[in-house]
Amino acid sequence: MKRVIQCLLTGLLLWTSVQGNAQSHQEYYQTLQQWMQDMKKVQFPAPGQYYLMHLRMKMVPRNKYLENKETEVKMIAGATQLVYETDQVSIYQDERNLYQVFHPQKLILHKSVSSNDFKQRQAYAQQMTLLQQELFAQSKVVQVKDGTYQGQPIKLITMQVAPKAQQRFKVKKVVYYFNLAKKYLEKQVVHFTDAHLLENQEIYYLQLNAHYKGYVPATAQAAIQAGKYRGYTLETSR
């Protein structure tokens, strides 16, 4: 779960070879910085507000004998609720209960939690956000190219991580596929150092909605009792 969140806070095709000058590099740095600040505002919703993040992640291992992993993630976060869903596992959490649903095994693990446990999850997410900001602060734009993504013009902005920060975060550079017209990050590719198990990670942002109005289970327990998990085994740990 922590790995998924980290991947979510870290932290985010055809192109020509037109590189921006130093002045435009600073401009694009500020553009990405503003986008990250806007994202920070909606990552921790106020009571009654829900934030939707829908993305696809592809992880490319450094060992060529290991299989590339690709998964689609849908996460809805509220002030006291979390819904996290993939084709392999779903997680529903509020201030009282945590349900982990393992789809291949048709197994549901239930654990009672306290409001303090939920606050710890929020504190961890905030910590990951701070680390992401620190990584960004220790990076600089080294290249800007014009490109297209799904038929729309974008900027491919490459940020190089400072040497000391590379040692700490095991990240060498990040390439952002940014749509200036929509002011939206379509995709990002994180390139890791040789010390990391992954060669790179691609994150495709399918939908980001800071004011989600769709269905949200009233409680974590309600999500399990909705009838979609008939035939699953429920186990409760104390």
C-alpha atoms as a PDB file:
ATOM      1  CA  MET A   1       0.000   0.000   0.000  1.00  0.00           C
ATOM      2  CA  LYS A   2       2.821   2.412   0.924  1.00  0.00           C
ATOM      3  CA  ARG A   3       4.576   1.571  -2.337  1.00  0.00           C
ATOM      4  CA  VAL A   4       1.402   2.413  -4.274  1.00  0.00           C
ATOM      5  CA  ILE A   5       0.958   5.737  -2.502  1.00  0.00           C
ATOM      6  CA  GLN A   6       4.600   6.586  -3.116  1.00  0.00           C
ATOM      7  CA  CYS A   7       4.187   5.783  -6.661  1.00  0.00           C
ATOM      8  CA  LEU A   8       1.032   8.009  -6.508  1.00  0.00           C
ATOM      9  CA  LEU A   9       2.767  11.015  -4.990  1.00  0.00           C
ATOM     10  CA  THR A  10       5.870  10.668  -7.032  1.00  0.00           C
ATOM     11  CA  GLY A  11       5.043  11.326  -7.531  1.00  0.00           C
ATOM     12  CA  LEU A  12       3.701  11.534 -12.976  1.00  0.00           C
ATOM     13  CA  LEU A  13       4.731   9.131 -28.689  1.00  0.00           C
ATOM     14  CA  LEU A  14       6.082  11.309 -31.212  1.00  0.00           C
ATOM     15  CA  TRP A  15       8.177  14.407 -30.866  1.00  0.00           C
ATOM     16  CA  THR A  16      10.562  16.716 -32.650  1.00  0.00           C
ATOM     17  CA  SER A  17      13.970  17.825 -31.418  1.00  0.00           C
ATOM     18  CA  VAL A  18      13.230  21.484 -30.666  1.00  0.00           C
ATOM     19  CA  GLN A  19      15.013  22.337 -27.411  1.00  0.00           C
ATOM     20  CA  GLY A  20      14.059  25.414 -25.363  1.00  0.00           C
ATOM     21  CA  ASN A  21      16.595  28.022 -24.247  1.00  0.00           C
ATOM     22  CA  ALA A  22      17.584  28.718 -20.633  1.00  0.00           C
ATOM     23  CA  GLN A  23      14.824  31.265 -20.139  1.00  0.00           C
ATOM     24  CA  SER A  24      12.102  28.927 -21.388  1.00  0.00           C
ATOM     25  CA  HIS A  25      13.537  26.141 -19.222  1.00  0.00           C
ATOM     26  CA  GLN A  26      12.855  28.246 -16.131  1.00  0.00           C
ATOM     27  CA  GLU A  27       9.369  28.983 -17.457  1.00  0.00           C
ATOM     28  CA  TYR A  28       8.590  25.275 -17.770  1.00  0.00           C
ATOM     29  CA  TYR A  29      10.036  24.573 -14.333  1.00  0.00           C
ATOM     30  CA  GLN A  30       7.592  27.118 -12.893  1.00  0.00           C
ATOM     31  CA  THR A  31       4.739  25.586 -14.901  1.00  0.00           C
ATOM     32  CA  LEU A  32       5.398  22.141 -13.418  1.00  0.00           C
ATOM     33  CA  GLN A  33       5.909  23.639  -9.976  1.00  0.00           C
ATOM     34  CA  GLN A  34       2.516  25.359 -10.151  1.00  0.00           C
ATOM     35  CA  TRP A  35       0.855  22.133 -11.288  1.00  0.00           C
ATOM     36  CA  MET A  36       2.344  20.279  -8.322  1.00  0.00           C
ATOM     37  CA  GLN A  37       1.161  22.975  -5.929  1.00  0.00           C
ATOM     38  CA  ASP A  38      -2.370  22.699  -7.340  1.00  0.00           C
ATOM     39  CA  MET A  39      -2.226  18.928  -6.929  1.00  0.00           C
ATOM     40  CA  LYS A  40      -1.097  19.304  -3.317  1.00  0.00           C
ATOM     41  CA  LYS A  41      -4.213  21.341  -2.534  1.00  0.00           C
ATOM     42  CA  VAL A  42      -6.566  18.525  -3.574  1.00  0.00           C
ATOM     43  CA  GLN A  43      -4.666  15.494  -2.277  1.00  0.00           C
ATOM     44  CA  PHE A  44      -6.144  15.975   1.190  1.00  0.00           C
ATOM     45  CA  PRO A  45      -9.857  16.750   0.708  1.00  0.00           C
ATOM     46  CA  ALA A  46     -11.946  18.735   3.178  1.00  0.00           C
ATOM     47  CA  PRO A  47     -15.016  17.128   4.803  1.00  0.00           C
ATOM     48  CA  GLY A  48     -17.640  16.453   2.147  1.00  0.00           C
ATOM     49  CA  GLN A  49     -15.128  16.745  -0.701  1.00  0.00           C
ATOM     50  CA  TYR A  50     -13.822  13.759  -2.690  1.00  0.00           C
ATOM     51  CA  TYR A  51     -10.788  13.532  -4.924  1.00  0.00           C
ATOM     52  CA  LEU A  52     -10.552  11.033  -7.791  1.00  0.00           C
ATOM     53  CA  MET A  53      -7.293   9.824  -9.301  1.00  0.00           C
ATOM     54  CA  HIS A  54      -7.429   7.306 -12.154  1.00  0.00           C
ATOM     55  CA  LEU A  55      -4.151   6.263 -13.687  1.00  0.00           C
ATOM     56  CA  ARG A  56      -2.263   3.469 -15.374  1.00  0.00           C
ATOM     57  CA  MET A  57       1.221   2.456 -14.284  1.00  0.00           C
ATOM     58  CA  LYS A  58       3.806   0.438 -16.143  1.00  0.00           C
ATOM     59  CA  MET A  59       6.886  -0.775 -14.295  1.00  0.00           C
ATOM     60  CA  VAL A  60       9.921  -1.869 -16.298  1.00  0.00           C
ATOM     61  CA  PRO A  61      12.336  -4.016 -14.220  1.00  0.00           C
ATOM     62  CA  ARG A  62      16.089  -3.746 -14.662  1.00  0.00           C
ATOM     63  CA  ASN A  63      16.368  -7.536 -14.894  1.00  0.00           C
ATOM     64  CA  LYS A  64      15.317  -8.437 -18.447  1.00  0.00           C
ATOM     65  CA  TYR A  65      14.124 -11.849 -17.280  1.00  0.00           C
ATOM     66  CA  LEU A  66      11.417 -10.307 -15.099  1.00  0.00           C
ATOM     67  CA  GLU A  67       8.054  -9.483 -16.607  1.00  0.00           C
ATOM     68  CA  ASN A  68       6.954  -5.888 -17.113  1.00  0.00           C
ATOM     69  CA  LYS A  69       4.105  -5.053 -14.782  1.00  0.00           C
ATOM     70  CA  GLU A  70       1.214  -2.867 -15.849  1.00  0.00           C
ATOM     71  CA  THR A  71      -1.787  -2.024 -13.729  1.00  0.00           C
ATOM     72  CA  GLU A  72      -4.682   0.418 -13.699  1.00  0.00           C
ATOM     73  CA  VAL A  73      -5.466   2.178 -10.444  1.00  0.00           C
ATOM     74  CA  LYS A  74      -8.576   4.068  -9.372  1.00  0.00           C
ATOM     75  CA  MET A  75      -8.433   5.900  -6.071  1.00  0.00           C
ATOM     76  CA  ILE A  76     -11.085   8.020  -4.370  1.00  0.00           C
ATOM     77  CA  ALA A  77      -9.989   9.925  -1.278  1.00  0.00           C
ATOM     78  CA  GLY A  78     -12.202  11.777   1.180  1.00  0.00           C
ATOM     79  CA  ALA A  79     -11.499  13.401   4.511  1.00  0.00           C
ATOM     80  CA  THR A  80     -12.238  10.126   6.324  1.00  0.00           C
ATOM     81  CA  GLN A  81     -12.456   7.599   3.483  1.00  0.00           C
ATOM     82  CA  LEU A  82     -10.210   5.826   1.030  1.00  0.00           C
ATOM     83  CA  VAL A  83     -11.229   3.677  -1.932  1.00  0.00           C
ATOM     84  CA  TYR A  84      -8.413   2.026  -3.885  1.00  0.00           C
ATOM     85  CA  GLU A  85      -9.170  -0.409  -6.703  1.00  0.00           C
ATOM     86  CA  THR A  86      -7.178  -2.481  -9.207  1.00  0.00           C
ATOM     87  CA  ASP A  87      -7.946  -5.745 -10.978  1.00  0.00           C
ATOM     88  CA  GLN A  88      -5.916  -7.606  -8.328  1.00  0.00           C
ATOM     89  CA  VAL A  89      -6.829  -5.892  -5.074  1.00  0.00           C
ATOM     90  CA  SER A  90      -9.321  -3.396  -3.698  1.00  0.00           C
ATOM     91  CA  ILE A  91      -8.961  -1.478  -0.431  1.00  0.00           C
ATOM     92  CA  TYR A  92     -11.718   0.277   1.483  1.00  0.00           C
ATOM     93  CA  GLN A  93     -10.867   2.220   4.615  1.00  0.00           C
ATOM     94  CA  ASP A  94     -12.550   4.679   6.926  1.00  0.00           C
ATOM     95  CA  GLU A  95     -11.999   5.679  10.543  1.00  0.00           C
ATOM     96  CA  ARG A  96     -13.345   2.356  11.851  1.00  0.00           C
ATOM     97  CA  ASN A  97     -12.639  -0.407   9.357  1.00  0.00           C
ATOM     98  CA  LEU A  98     -10.108  -1.555   6.790  1.00  0.00           C
ATOM     99  CA  TYR A  99     -11.105  -4.122   4.152  1.00  0.00           C
ATOM    100  CA  GLN A 100      -8.547  -5.595   1.758  1.00  0.00           C
ATOM    101  CA  VAL A 101     -10.113  -7.532  -1.120  1.00  0.00           C
ATOM    102  CA  PHE A 102      -7.900  -9.997  -3.023  1.00  0.00           C
ATOM    103  CA  HIS A 103      -9.754 -10.779  -6.237  1.00  0.00           C
ATOM    104  CA  PRO A 104      -7.794 -13.801  -7.571  1.00  0.00           C
ATOM    105  CA  GLN A 105      -8.213 -15.561  -4.222  1.00  0.00           C
ATOM    106  CA  LYS A 106     -11.766 -14.246  -3.631  1.00  0.00           C
ATOM    107  CA  LEU A 107     -10.659 -13.330  -0.138  1.00  0.00           C
ATOM    108  CA  ILE A 108     -11.548 -10.324   2.024  1.00  0.00           C
ATOM    109  CA  LEU A 109      -9.414  -9.458   5.041  1.00  0.00           C
ATOM    110  CA  HIS A 110     -11.071  -7.191   7.605  1.00  0.00           C
ATOM    111  CA  LYS A 111      -9.387  -5.274  10.392  1.00  0.00           C
ATOM    112  CA  SER A 112     -10.847  -2.813  12.863  1.00  0.00           C
ATOM    113  CA  VAL A 113      -8.928   0.444  12.994  1.00  0.00           C
ATOM    114  CA  SER A 114      -9.064   3.625  15.008  1.00  0.00           C
ATOM    115  CA  SER A 115      -9.330   7.197  13.833  1.00  0.00           C
ATOM    116  CA  ASN A 116      -5.670   7.513  14.828  1.00  0.00           C
ATOM    117  CA  ASP A 117      -4.747   4.781  12.296  1.00  0.00           C
ATOM    118  CA  PHE A 118      -6.466   6.756   9.557  1.00  0.00           C
ATOM    119  CA  LYS A 119      -4.648   9.929  10.618  1.00  0.00           C
ATOM    120  CA  GLN A 120      -1.360   8.009  10.385  1.00  0.00           C
ATOM    121  CA  ARG A 121      -2.180   7.085   6.771  1.00  0.00           C
ATOM    122  CA  GLN A 122      -2.828  10.743   6.010  1.00  0.00           C
ATOM    123  CA  ALA A 123       0.441  11.710   7.722  1.00  0.00           C
ATOM    124  CA  TYR A 124       2.310   9.176   5.595  1.00  0.00           C
ATOM    125  CA  ALA A 125       0.736  10.583   2.425  1.00  0.00           C
ATOM    126  CA  GLN A 126       1.778  14.083   3.501  1.00  0.00           C
ATOM    127  CA  GLN A 127       5.311  12.850   4.115  1.00  0.00           C
ATOM    128  CA  MET A 128       5.471  11.347   0.630  1.00  0.00           C
ATOM    129  CA  THR A 129       4.236  14.647  -0.807  1.00  0.00           C
ATOM    130  CA  LEU A 130       7.039  16.493   0.983  1.00  0.00           C
ATOM    131  CA  LEU A 131       9.610  14.020  -0.360  1.00  0.00           C
ATOM    132  CA  GLN A 132       8.259  14.509  -3.868  1.00  0.00           C
ATOM    133  CA  GLN A 133       8.575  18.276  -3.463  1.00  0.00           C
ATOM    134  CA  GLU A 134      12.125  17.869  -2.185  1.00  0.00           C
ATOM    135  CA  LEU A 135      13.051  15.721  -5.177  1.00  0.00           C
ATOM    136  CA  PHE A 136      11.535  18.317  -7.513  1.00  0.00           C
ATOM    137  CA  ALA A 137      13.412  21.144  -5.751  1.00  0.00           C
ATOM    138  CA  GLN A 138      16.714  19.314  -6.311  1.00  0.00           C
ATOM    139  CA  SER A 139      16.073  18.882 -10.037  1.00  0.00           C
ATOM    140  CA  LYS A 140      16.449  21.189 -13.007  1.00  0.00           C
ATOM    141  CA  VAL A 141      14.999  21.318 -16.490  1.00  0.00           C
ATOM    142  CA  VAL A 142      17.677  20.234 -18.959  1.00  0.00           C
ATOM    143  CA  GLN A 143      15.618  19.739 -22.105  1.00  0.00           C
ATOM    144  CA  VAL A 144      12.278  20.791 -23.592  1.00  0.00           C
ATOM    145  CA  LYS A 145      10.878  19.274 -26.783  1.00  0.00           C
ATOM    146  CA  ASP A 146       7.694  19.699 -28.780  1.00  0.00           C
ATOM    147  CA  GLY A 147       5.707  16.507 -29.139  1.00  0.00           C
ATOM    148  CA  THR A 148       2.272  14.969 -29.560  1.00  0.00           C
ATOM    149  CA  TYR A 149       0.305  12.726 -27.246  1.00  0.00           C
ATOM    150  CA  GLN A 150      -2.963  11.157 -28.385  1.00  0.00           C
ATOM    151  CA  GLY A 151      -3.097  13.620 -31.278  1.00  0.00           C
ATOM    152  CA  GLN A 152      -2.594  16.738 -29.143  1.00  0.00           C
ATOM    153  CA  PRO A 153       0.487  18.963 -28.919  1.00  0.00           C
ATOM    154  CA  ILE A 154       2.474  18.646 -25.706  1.00  0.00           C
ATOM    155  CA  LYS A 155       5.814  19.619 -24.236  1.00  0.00           C
ATOM    156  CA  LEU A 156       8.241  16.912 -23.178  1.00  0.00           C
ATOM    157  CA  ILE A 157      10.057  18.405 -20.223  1.00  0.00           C
ATOM    158  CA  THR A 158      13.101  16.499 -18.959  1.00  0.00           C
ATOM    159  CA  MET A 159      14.271  17.209 -15.421  1.00  0.00           C
ATOM    160  CA  GLN A 160      17.667  15.983 -14.232  1.00  0.00           C
ATOM    161  CA  VAL A 161      18.081  15.152 -10.537  1.00  0.00           C
ATOM    162  CA  ALA A 162      21.131  16.534  -8.686  1.00  0.00           C
ATOM    163  CA  PRO A 163      23.849  13.910  -7.979  1.00  0.00           C
ATOM    164  CA  LYS A 164      23.350  13.807  -4.178  1.00  0.00           C
ATOM    165  CA  ALA A 165      19.593  13.575  -4.601  1.00  0.00           C
ATOM    166  CA  GLN A 166      20.090  10.723  -7.082  1.00  0.00           C
ATOM    167  CA  GLN A 167      21.849   8.760  -4.365  1.00  0.00           C
ATOM    168  CA  ARG A 168      19.046   9.398  -1.899  1.00  0.00           C
ATOM    169  CA  PHE A 169      16.008   8.900  -4.103  1.00  0.00           C
ATOM    170  CA  LYS A 170      17.548   6.506  -6.665  1.00  0.00           C
ATOM    171  CA  VAL A 171      15.985   8.633  -9.408  1.00  0.00           C
ATOM    172  CA  LYS A 172      18.125   9.865 -12.313  1.00  0.00           C
ATOM    173  CA  LYS A 173      15.645  11.938 -14.296  1.00  0.00           C
ATOM    174  CA  VAL A 174      11.936  12.443 -14.909  1.00  0.00           C
ATOM    175  CA  VAL A 175      10.300  13.202 -18.260  1.00  0.00           C
ATOM    176  CA  TYR A 176       6.967  15.045 -18.072  1.00  0.00           C
ATOM    177  CA  TYR A 177       4.439  14.968 -20.920  1.00  0.00           C
ATOM    178  CA  PHE A 178       2.669  18.246 -20.233  1.00  0.00           C
ATOM    179  CA  ASN A 179      -0.334  19.614 -22.129  1.00  0.00           C
ATOM    180  CA  LEU A 180       0.017  23.397 -21.923  1.00  0.00           C
ATOM    181  CA  ALA A 181      -3.410  24.081 -23.430  1.00  0.00           C
ATOM    182  CA  LYS A 182      -5.186  21.999 -20.775  1.00  0.00           C
ATOM    183  CA  LYS A 183      -2.584  22.721 -18.077  1.00  0.00           C
ATOM    184  CA  TYR A 184      -2.579  19.001 -17.448  1.00  0.00           C
ATOM    185  CA  LEU A 185       0.108  16.381 -16.937  1.00  0.00           C
ATOM    186  CA  GLU A 186      -0.735  13.554 -19.340  1.00  0.00           C
ATOM    187  CA  LYS A 187       2.129  11.236 -18.448  1.00  0.00           C
ATOM    188  CA  GLN A 188       5.456  11.046 -16.681  1.00  0.00           C
ATOM    189  CA  VAL A 189       8.351   8.625 -17.011  1.00  0.00           C
ATOM    190  CA  VAL A 190      10.639   8.161 -14.014  1.00  0.00           C
ATOM    191  CA  HIS A 191      14.122   6.883 -14.874  1.00  0.00           C
ATOM    192  CA  PHE A 192      15.848   5.246 -11.899  1.00  0.00           C
ATOM    193  CA  THR A 193      19.541   4.873 -11.142  1.00  0.00           C
ATOM    194  CA  ASP A 194      21.321   1.514 -11.369  1.00  0.00           C
ATOM    195  CA  ALA A 195      20.775   1.056  -7.611  1.00  0.00           C
ATOM    196  CA  HIS A 196      17.000   0.670  -8.142  1.00  0.00           C
ATOM    197  CA  LEU A 197      15.273  -2.605  -9.024  1.00  0.00           C
ATOM    198  CA  LEU A 198      13.282  -0.835 -11.752  1.00  0.00           C
ATOM    199  CA  GLU A 199      14.743   0.698 -14.896  1.00  0.00           C
ATOM    200  CA  ASN A 200      11.850   3.085 -15.255  1.00  0.00           C
ATOM    201  CA  GLN A 201       8.211   3.612 -14.378  1.00  0.00           C
ATOM    202  CA  GLU A 202       5.596   5.114 -16.680  1.00  0.00           C
ATOM    203  CA  ILE A 203       2.533   6.799 -15.170  1.00  0.00           C
ATOM    204  CA  TYR A 204      -0.420   7.716 -17.401  1.00  0.00           C
ATOM    205  CA  TYR A 205      -2.899  10.132 -15.822  1.00  0.00           C
ATOM    206  CA  LEU A 206      -6.302   9.083 -17.134  1.00  0.00           C
ATOM    207  CA  GLN A 207      -8.432  11.280 -14.898  1.00  0.00           C
ATOM    208  CA  LEU A 208      -7.836  13.714 -12.044  1.00  0.00           C
ATOM    209  CA  ASN A 209     -10.930  15.245 -10.478  1.00  0.00           C
ATOM    210  CA  ALA A 210     -10.653  17.456  -7.406  1.00  0.00           C
ATOM    211  CA  HIS A 211     -14.434  17.657  -7.015  1.00  0.00           C
ATOM    212  CA  TYR A 212     -15.622  14.118  -7.652  1.00  0.00           C
ATOM    213  CA  LYS A 213     -19.432  13.788  -7.442  1.00  0.00           C
ATOM    214  CA  GLY A 214     -19.828  10.119  -8.378  1.00  0.00           C
ATOM    215  CA  TYR A 215     -20.683   7.187  -6.155  1.00  0.00           C
ATOM    216  CA  VAL A 216     -18.689   6.802  -2.940  1.00  0.00           C
ATOM    217  CA  PRO A 217     -19.606   4.092  -0.382  1.00  0.00           C
ATOM    218  CA  ALA A 218     -20.944   5.687   2.796  1.00  0.00           C
ATOM    219  CA  THR A 219     -18.604   3.494   4.845  1.00  0.00           C
ATOM    220  CA  ALA A 220     -15.946   0.854   4.188  1.00  0.00           C
ATOM    221  CA  GLN A 221     -18.383  -1.771   5.432  1.00  0.00           C
ATOM    222  CA  ALA A 222     -21.034  -0.563   2.991  1.00  0.00           C
ATOM    223  CA  ALA A 223     -18.603  -1.131   0.108  1.00  0.00           C
ATOM    224  CA  ILE A 224     -18.282  -4.791   1.080  1.00  0.00           C
ATOM    225  CA  GLN A 225     -22.002  -5.285   1.652  1.00  0.00           C
ATOM    226  CA  ALA A 226     -23.025  -3.800  -1.687  1.00  0.00           C
ATOM    227  CA  GLY A 227     -23.360  -7.284  -3.212  1.00  0.00           C
ATOM    228  CA  LYS A 228     -20.404  -7.160  -5.621  1.00  0.00           C
ATOM    229  CA  TYR A 229     -18.382  -9.660  -3.588  1.00  0.00           C
ATOM    230  CA  ARG A 230     -20.713 -12.609  -3.420  1.00  0.00           C
ATOM    231  CA  GLY A 231     -18.750 -15.856  -3.118  1.00  0.00           C
ATOM    232  CA  TYR A 232     -15.788 -14.174  -1.408  1.00  0.00           C
ATOM    233  CA  THR A 233     -14.524 -15.444   1.938  1.00  0.00           C
ATOM    234  CA  LEU A 234     -14.416 -12.873   4.746  1.00  0.00           C
ATOM    235  CA  GLU A 235     -11.781 -13.191   7.478  1.00  0.00           C
ATOM    236  CA  THR A 236     -11.526 -10.780  10.405  1.00  0.00           C
ATOM    237  CA  SER A 237      -8.371 -10.196  12.422  1.00  0.00           C
ATOM    238  CA  ARG A 238      -8.414  -8.670  15.902  1.00  0.00           C
END
